[in-house]
Amino acid sequence: YLALRAMPNSHVAGEDDILANIEKSVPSASS
């Protein structure tokens, strides 16, 4: 759910971009 919600509207994003978006609401999630 976190990964899908972190996708930008373009539906095209790299793994690092998605992780960065996730960490806006869940800090340190990428660990």
PDB file of all heavy atoms in Angstrom:
ATOM      1  N   TYR A   1       0.835  -1.205   0.000  1.00  0.00           N
ATOM      2  CA  TYR A   1       0.000   0.000   0.000  1.00  0.00           C
ATOM      3  C   TYR A   1       0.868   1.253   0.000  1.00  0.00           C
ATOM      4  O   TYR A   1       0.621   2.203  -0.759  1.00  0.00           O
ATOM      5  CB  TYR A   1      -0.916   0.000   1.222  1.00  0.00           C
ATOM      6  CG  TYR A   1      -1.605   1.329   1.454  1.00  0.00           C
ATOM      7  CD1 TYR A   1      -2.706   1.704   0.687  1.00  0.00           C
ATOM      8  CD2 TYR A   1      -1.131   2.220   2.422  1.00  0.00           C
ATOM      9  CE1 TYR A   1      -3.328   2.928   0.885  1.00  0.00           C
ATOM     10  CE2 TYR A   1      -1.745   3.447   2.621  1.00  0.00           C
ATOM     11  CZ  TYR A   1      -2.838   3.801   1.856  1.00  0.00           C
ATOM     12  OH  TYR A   1      -3.438   5.014   2.046  1.00  0.00           O
ATOM     13  N   LEU A   2       1.902   1.270   0.832  1.00  0.00           N
ATOM     14  CA  LEU A   2       2.778   2.441   0.906  1.00  0.00           C
ATOM     15  C   LEU A   2       3.466   2.699  -0.428  1.00  0.00           C
ATOM     16  O   LEU A   2       3.586   3.848  -0.875  1.00  0.00           O
ATOM     17  CB  LEU A   2       3.819   2.250   2.010  1.00  0.00           C
ATOM     18  CG  LEU A   2       3.301   2.235   3.449  1.00  0.00           C
ATOM     19  CD1 LEU A   2       4.442   1.925   4.420  1.00  0.00           C
ATOM     20  CD2 LEU A   2       2.652   3.569   3.808  1.00  0.00           C
ATOM     21  N   ALA A   3       3.927   1.616  -1.079  1.00  0.00           N
ATOM     22  CA  ALA A   3       4.638   1.769  -2.351  1.00  0.00           C
ATOM     23  C   ALA A   3       3.705   2.274  -3.449  1.00  0.00           C
ATOM     24  O   ALA A   3       4.069   3.162  -4.232  1.00  0.00           O
ATOM     25  CB  ALA A   3       5.268   0.435  -2.753  1.00  0.00           C
ATOM     26  N   LEU A   4       2.489   1.734  -3.518  1.00  0.00           N
ATOM     27  CA  LEU A   4       1.542   2.185  -4.533  1.00  0.00           C
ATOM     28  C   LEU A   4       1.127   3.631  -4.284  1.00  0.00           C
ATOM     29  O   LEU A   4       1.011   4.432  -5.215  1.00  0.00           O
ATOM     30  CB  LEU A   4       0.315   1.280  -4.545  1.00  0.00           C
ATOM     31  CG  LEU A   4       0.515  -0.126  -5.119  1.00  0.00           C
ATOM     32  CD1 LEU A   4      -0.716  -0.988  -4.863  1.00  0.00           C
ATOM     33  CD2 LEU A   4       0.807  -0.067  -6.613  1.00  0.00           C
ATOM     34  N   ARG A   5       0.906   3.969  -3.028  1.00  0.00           N
ATOM     35  CA  ARG A   5       0.500   5.331  -2.699  1.00  0.00           C
ATOM     36  C   ARG A   5       1.603   6.335  -3.001  1.00  0.00           C
ATOM     37  O   ARG A   5       1.330   7.509  -3.288  1.00  0.00           O
ATOM     38  CB  ARG A   5       0.123   5.412  -1.219  1.00  0.00           C
ATOM     39  CG  ARG A   5      -0.639   6.674  -0.848  1.00  0.00           C
ATOM     40  CD  ARG A   5      -0.951   6.724   0.621  1.00  0.00           C
ATOM     41  NE  ARG A   5       0.233   7.006   1.429  1.00  0.00           N
ATOM     42  CZ  ARG A   5       0.193   7.494   2.665  1.00  0.00           C
ATOM     43  NH1 ARG A   5      -0.969   7.722   3.244  1.00  0.00           N
ATOM     44  NH2 ARG A   5       1.299   7.728   3.340  1.00  0.00           N
ATOM     45  N   ALA A   6       2.857   5.878  -2.969  1.00  0.00           N
ATOM     46  CA  ALA A   6       4.000   6.775  -3.187  1.00  0.00           C
ATOM     47  C   ALA A   6       4.304   7.001  -4.656  1.00  0.00           C
ATOM     48  O   ALA A   6       5.180   7.803  -4.997  1.00  0.00           O
ATOM     49  CB  ALA A   6       5.244   6.214  -2.492  1.00  0.00           C
ATOM     50  N   MET A   7       3.592   6.298  -5.542  1.00  0.00           N
ATOM     51  CA  MET A   7       3.840   6.483  -6.973  1.00  0.00           C
ATOM     52  C   MET A   7       3.376   7.864  -7.415  1.00  0.00           C
ATOM     53  O   MET A   7       2.311   8.322  -7.019  1.00  0.00           O
ATOM     54  CB  MET A   7       3.115   5.426  -7.796  1.00  0.00           C
ATOM     55  CG  MET A   7       3.691   4.038  -7.694  1.00  0.00           C
ATOM     56  SD  MET A   7       2.829   2.905  -8.792  1.00  0.00           S
ATOM     57  CE  MET A   7       3.261   3.584 -10.382  1.00  0.00           C
ATOM     58  N   PRO A   8       4.146   8.537  -8.245  1.00  0.00           N
ATOM     59  CA  PRO A   8       3.708   9.831  -8.773  1.00  0.00           C
ATOM     60  C   PRO A   8       2.586   9.637  -9.782  1.00  0.00           C
ATOM     61  O   PRO A   8       2.328   8.524 -10.251  1.00  0.00           O
ATOM     62  CB  PRO A   8       4.973  10.385  -9.435  1.00  0.00           C
ATOM     63  CG  PRO A   8       5.760   9.166  -9.799  1.00  0.00           C
ATOM     64  CD  PRO A   8       5.490   8.158  -8.725  1.00  0.00           C
ATOM     65  N   ASN A   9       1.920  10.719 -10.143  1.00  0.00           N
ATOM     66  CA  ASN A   9       0.802  10.628 -11.069  1.00  0.00           C
ATOM     67  C   ASN A   9       1.198  10.110 -12.444  1.00  0.00           C
ATOM     68  O   ASN A   9       0.367   9.619 -13.197  1.00  0.00           O
ATOM     69  CB  ASN A   9       0.125  11.994 -11.213  1.00  0.00           C
ATOM     70  CG  ASN A   9      -1.024  12.150 -10.222  1.00  0.00           C
ATOM     71  OD1 ASN A   9      -1.432  11.183  -9.597  1.00  0.00           O
ATOM     72  ND2 ASN A   9      -1.523  13.364 -10.082  1.00  0.00           N
ATOM     73  N   SER A  10       2.442  10.217 -12.773  1.00  0.00           N
ATOM     74  CA  SER A  10       2.895   9.745 -14.089  1.00  0.00           C
ATOM     75  C   SER A  10       2.920   8.231 -14.184  1.00  0.00           C
ATOM     76  O   SER A  10       3.035   7.663 -15.256  1.00  0.00           O
ATOM     77  CB  SER A  10       4.290  10.295 -14.389  1.00  0.00           C
ATOM     78  OG  SER A  10       5.231   9.767 -13.453  1.00  0.00           O
ATOM     79  N   HIS A  11       2.808   7.549 -13.024  1.00  0.00           N
ATOM     80  CA  HIS A  11       2.896   6.081 -12.985  1.00  0.00           C
ATOM     81  C   HIS A  11       4.268   5.586 -13.405  1.00  0.00           C
ATOM     82  O   HIS A  11       4.447   4.402 -13.658  1.00  0.00           O
ATOM     83  CB  HIS A  11       1.812   5.450 -13.875  1.00  0.00           C
ATOM     84  CG  HIS A  11       0.765   4.749 -13.056  1.00  0.00           C
ATOM     85  ND1 HIS A  11       0.117   3.630 -13.473  1.00  0.00           N
ATOM     86  CD2 HIS A  11       0.260   5.016 -11.833  1.00  0.00           C
ATOM     87  CE1 HIS A  11      -0.749   3.237 -12.570  1.00  0.00           C
ATOM     88  NE2 HIS A  11      -0.675   4.074 -11.564  1.00  0.00           N
ATOM     89  N   VAL A  12       5.228   6.465 -13.518  1.00  0.00           N
ATOM     90  CA  VAL A  12       6.591   6.067 -13.872  1.00  0.00           C
ATOM     91  C   VAL A  12       7.526   6.664 -12.833  1.00  0.00           C
ATOM     92  O   VAL A  12       7.579   7.882 -12.668  1.00  0.00           O
ATOM     93  CB  VAL A  12       6.987   6.564 -15.279  1.00  0.00           C
ATOM     94  CG1 VAL A  12       8.424   6.170 -15.574  1.00  0.00           C
ATOM     95  CG2 VAL A  12       6.043   6.002 -16.332  1.00  0.00           C
ATOM     96  N   ALA A  13       8.227   5.789 -12.124  1.00  0.00           N
ATOM     97  CA  ALA A  13       9.128   6.290 -11.080  1.00  0.00           C
ATOM     98  C   ALA A  13      10.163   5.231 -10.770  1.00  0.00           C
ATOM     99  O   ALA A  13       9.915   4.029 -10.890  1.00  0.00           O
ATOM    100  CB  ALA A  13       8.349   6.643  -9.818  1.00  0.00           C
ATOM    101  N   GLY A  14      11.346   5.691 -10.357  1.00  0.00           N
ATOM    102  CA  GLY A  14      12.384   4.775  -9.952  1.00  0.00           C
ATOM    103  C   GLY A  14      12.183   4.335  -8.515  1.00  0.00           C
ATOM    104  O   GLY A  14      11.428   4.938  -7.748  1.00  0.00           O
ATOM    105  N   GLU A  15      12.893   3.287  -8.139  1.00  0.00           N
ATOM    106  CA  GLU A  15      12.771   2.748  -6.782  1.00  0.00           C
ATOM    107  C   GLU A  15      13.124   3.795  -5.735  1.00  0.00           C
ATOM    108  O   GLU A  15      12.440   3.939  -4.719  1.00  0.00           O
ATOM    109  CB  GLU A  15      13.679   1.525  -6.646  1.00  0.00           C
ATOM    110  CG  GLU A  15      13.666   0.903  -5.262  1.00  0.00           C
ATOM    111  CD  GLU A  15      14.613  -0.282  -5.158  1.00  0.00           C
ATOM    112  OE1 GLU A  15      15.027  -0.820  -6.217  1.00  0.00           O
ATOM    113  OE2 GLU A  15      14.951  -0.665  -4.028  1.00  0.00           O
ATOM    114  N   ASP A  16      14.214   4.550  -5.978  1.00  0.00           N
ATOM    115  CA  ASP A  16      14.640   5.567  -5.008  1.00  0.00           C
ATOM    116  C   ASP A  16      13.588   6.660  -4.847  1.00  0.00           C
ATOM    117  O   ASP A  16      13.366   7.159  -3.731  1.00  0.00           O
ATOM    118  CB  ASP A  16      15.970   6.180  -5.437  1.00  0.00           C
ATOM    119  CG  ASP A  16      17.117   5.189  -5.347  1.00  0.00           C
ATOM    120  OD1 ASP A  16      16.959   4.189  -4.610  1.00  0.00           O
ATOM    121  OD2 ASP A  16      18.150   5.404  -6.019  1.00  0.00           O
ATOM    122  N   ASP A  17      12.935   7.045  -5.945  1.00  0.00           N
ATOM    123  CA  ASP A  17      11.897   8.071  -5.864  1.00  0.00           C
ATOM    124  C   ASP A  17      10.713   7.584  -5.022  1.00  0.00           C
ATOM    125  O   ASP A  17      10.155   8.339  -4.210  1.00  0.00           O
ATOM    126  CB  ASP A  17      11.401   8.445  -7.267  1.00  0.00           C
ATOM    127  CG  ASP A  17      12.486   9.108  -8.095  1.00  0.00           C
ATOM    128  OD1 ASP A  17      13.335   9.797  -7.505  1.00  0.00           O
ATOM    129  OD2 ASP A  17      12.481   8.912  -9.326  1.00  0.00           O
ATOM    130  N   ILE A  18      10.337   6.331  -5.214  1.00  0.00           N
ATOM    131  CA  ILE A  18       9.225   5.773  -4.451  1.00  0.00           C
ATOM    132  C   ILE A  18       9.573   5.687  -2.971  1.00  0.00           C
ATOM    133  O   ILE A  18       8.773   6.049  -2.099  1.00  0.00           O
ATOM    134  CB  ILE A  18       8.830   4.386  -5.005  1.00  0.00           C
ATOM    135  CG1 ILE A  18       8.254   4.542  -6.420  1.00  0.00           C
ATOM    136  CG2 ILE A  18       7.831   3.685  -4.097  1.00  0.00           C
ATOM    137  CD1 ILE A  18       7.970   3.238  -7.121  1.00  0.00           C
ATOM    138  N   LEU A  19      10.794   5.241  -2.672  1.00  0.00           N
ATOM    139  CA  LEU A  19      11.224   5.161  -1.279  1.00  0.00           C
ATOM    140  C   LEU A  19      11.244   6.546  -0.631  1.00  0.00           C
ATOM    141  O   LEU A  19      10.849   6.709   0.530  1.00  0.00           O
ATOM    142  CB  LEU A  19      12.607   4.514  -1.184  1.00  0.00           C
ATOM    143  CG  LEU A  19      12.670   3.014  -1.493  1.00  0.00           C
ATOM    144  CD1 LEU A  19      14.117   2.539  -1.529  1.00  0.00           C
ATOM    145  CD2 LEU A  19      11.885   2.225  -0.436  1.00  0.00           C
ATOM    146  N   ALA A  20      11.696   7.528  -1.381  1.00  0.00           N
ATOM    147  CA  ALA A  20      11.736   8.895  -0.845  1.00  0.00           C
ATOM    148  C   ALA A  20      10.336   9.398  -0.530  1.00  0.00           C
ATOM    149  O   ALA A  20      10.109  10.052   0.504  1.00  0.00           O
ATOM    150  CB  ALA A  20      12.431   9.826  -1.838  1.00  0.00           C
ATOM    151  N   ASN A  21       9.369   9.083  -1.403  1.00  0.00           N
ATOM    152  CA  ASN A  21       7.983   9.489  -1.150  1.00  0.00           C
ATOM    153  C   ASN A  21       7.388   8.766   0.050  1.00  0.00           C
ATOM    154  O   ASN A  21       6.618   9.349   0.826  1.00  0.00           O
ATOM    155  CB  ASN A  21       7.124   9.231  -2.391  1.00  0.00           C
ATOM    156  CG  ASN A  21       7.402  10.217  -3.506  1.00  0.00           C
ATOM    157  OD1 ASN A  21       7.907  11.318  -3.268  1.00  0.00           O
ATOM    158  ND2 ASN A  21       7.081   9.835  -4.733  1.00  0.00           N
ATOM    159  N   ILE A  22       7.745   7.490   0.206  1.00  0.00           N
ATOM    160  CA  ILE A  22       7.239   6.740   1.366  1.00  0.00           C
ATOM    161  C   ILE A  22       7.741   7.357   2.662  1.00  0.00           C
ATOM    162  O   ILE A  22       6.993   7.507   3.638  1.00  0.00           O
ATOM    163  CB  ILE A  22       7.673   5.258   1.284  1.00  0.00           C
ATOM    164  CG1 ILE A  22       6.963   4.553   0.122  1.00  0.00           C
ATOM    165  CG2 ILE A  22       7.367   4.528   2.601  1.00  0.00           C
ATOM    166  CD1 ILE A  22       7.428   3.123  -0.108  1.00  0.00           C
ATOM    167  N   GLU A  23       8.999   7.763   2.664  1.00  0.00           N
ATOM    168  CA  GLU A  23       9.601   8.272   3.897  1.00  0.00           C
ATOM    169  C   GLU A  23       9.059   9.639   4.302  1.00  0.00           C
ATOM    170  O   GLU A  23       9.306  10.099   5.417  1.00  0.00           O
ATOM    171  CB  GLU A  23      11.116   8.312   3.766  1.00  0.00           C
ATOM    172  CG  GLU A  23      11.736   6.916   3.683  1.00  0.00           C
ATOM    173  CD  GLU A  23      13.206   6.906   4.054  1.00  0.00           C
ATOM    174  OE1 GLU A  23      13.784   8.001   4.132  1.00  0.00           O
ATOM    175  OE2 GLU A  23      13.750   5.810   4.287  1.00  0.00           O
ATOM    176  N   LYS A  24       8.299  10.266   3.432  1.00  0.00           N
ATOM    177  CA  LYS A  24       7.665  11.525   3.821  1.00  0.00           C
ATOM    178  C   LYS A  24       6.609  11.291   4.909  1.00  0.00           C
ATOM    179  O   LYS A  24       6.364  12.151   5.755  1.00  0.00           O
ATOM    180  CB  LYS A  24       7.024  12.190   2.607  1.00  0.00           C
ATOM    181  CG  LYS A  24       8.024  12.716   1.592  1.00  0.00           C
ATOM    182  CD  LYS A  24       7.315  13.301   0.376  1.00  0.00           C
ATOM    183  CE  LYS A  24       8.334  13.783  -0.673  1.00  0.00           C
ATOM    184  NZ  LYS A  24       7.658  14.304  -1.895  1.00  0.00           N
ATOM    185  N   SER A  25       5.961  10.120   4.876  1.00  0.00           N
ATOM    186  CA  SER A  25       4.959   9.798   5.899  1.00  0.00           C
ATOM    187  C   SER A  25       5.457   8.750   6.889  1.00  0.00           C
ATOM    188  O   SER A  25       4.971   8.679   8.017  1.00  0.00           O
ATOM    189  CB  SER A  25       3.673   9.289   5.236  1.00  0.00           C
ATOM    190  OG  SER A  25       3.935   8.164   4.422  1.00  0.00           O
ATOM    191  N   VAL A  26       6.442   7.937   6.477  1.00  0.00           N
ATOM    192  CA  VAL A  26       7.000   6.909   7.359  1.00  0.00           C
ATOM    193  C   VAL A  26       8.521   7.034   7.316  1.00  0.00           C
ATOM    194  O   VAL A  26       9.201   6.350   6.537  1.00  0.00           O
ATOM    195  CB  VAL A  26       6.569   5.487   6.933  1.00  0.00           C
ATOM    196  CG1 VAL A  26       7.079   4.453   7.934  1.00  0.00           C
ATOM    197  CG2 VAL A  26       5.055   5.395   6.797  1.00  0.00           C
ATOM    198  N   PRO A  27       9.098   7.899   8.137  1.00  0.00           N
ATOM    199  CA  PRO A  27      10.556   8.084   8.144  1.00  0.00           C
ATOM    200  C   PRO A  27      11.288   6.769   8.430  1.00  0.00           C
ATOM    201  O   PRO A  27      10.817   5.926   9.190  1.00  0.00           O
ATOM    202  CB  PRO A  27      10.768   9.091   9.276  1.00  0.00           C
ATOM    203  CG  PRO A  27       9.479   9.835   9.368  1.00  0.00           C
ATOM    204  CD  PRO A  27       8.417   8.830   9.051  1.00  0.00           C
ATOM    205  N   SER A  28      12.418   6.600   7.768  1.00  0.00           N
ATOM    206  CA  SER A  28      13.275   5.406   7.925  1.00  0.00           C
ATOM    207  C   SER A  28      12.610   4.132   7.411  1.00  0.00           C
ATOM    208  O   SER A  28      13.046   3.022   7.734  1.00  0.00           O
ATOM    209  CB  SER A  28      13.690   5.214   9.394  1.00  0.00           C
ATOM    210  OG  SER A  28      14.336   6.360   9.889  1.00  0.00           O
ATOM    211  N   ALA A  29      11.554   4.268   6.606  1.00  0.00           N
ATOM    212  CA  ALA A  29      10.871   3.080   6.098  1.00  0.00           C
ATOM    213  C   ALA A  29      11.782   2.230   5.219  1.00  0.00           C
ATOM    214  O   ALA A  29      11.689   0.997   5.212  1.00  0.00           O
ATOM    215  CB  ALA A  29       9.633   3.488   5.303  1.00  0.00           C
ATOM    216  N   SER A  30      12.682   2.890   4.475  1.00  0.00           N
ATOM    217  CA  SER A  30      13.537   2.155   3.543  1.00  0.00           C
ATOM    218  C   SER A  30      14.517   1.216   4.237  1.00  0.00           C
ATOM    219  O   SER A  30      15.166   0.405   3.576  1.00  0.00           O
ATOM    220  CB  SER A  30      14.293   3.126   2.641  1.00  0.00           C
ATOM    221  OG  SER A  30      15.074   4.014   3.414  1.00  0.00           O
ATOM    222  N   SER A  31      14.610   1.309   5.568  1.00  0.00           N
ATOM    223  CA  SER A  31      15.490   0.393   6.282  1.00  0.00           C
ATOM    224  C   SER A  31      14.878  -1.002   6.394  1.00  0.00           C
ATOM    225  O   SER A  31      15.559  -1.959   6.760  1.00  0.00           O
ATOM    226  CB  SER A  31      15.794   0.931   7.694  1.00  0.00           C
ATOM    227  OG  SER A  31      14.602   1.027   8.459  1.00  0.00           O
TER     228      SER A  31
END
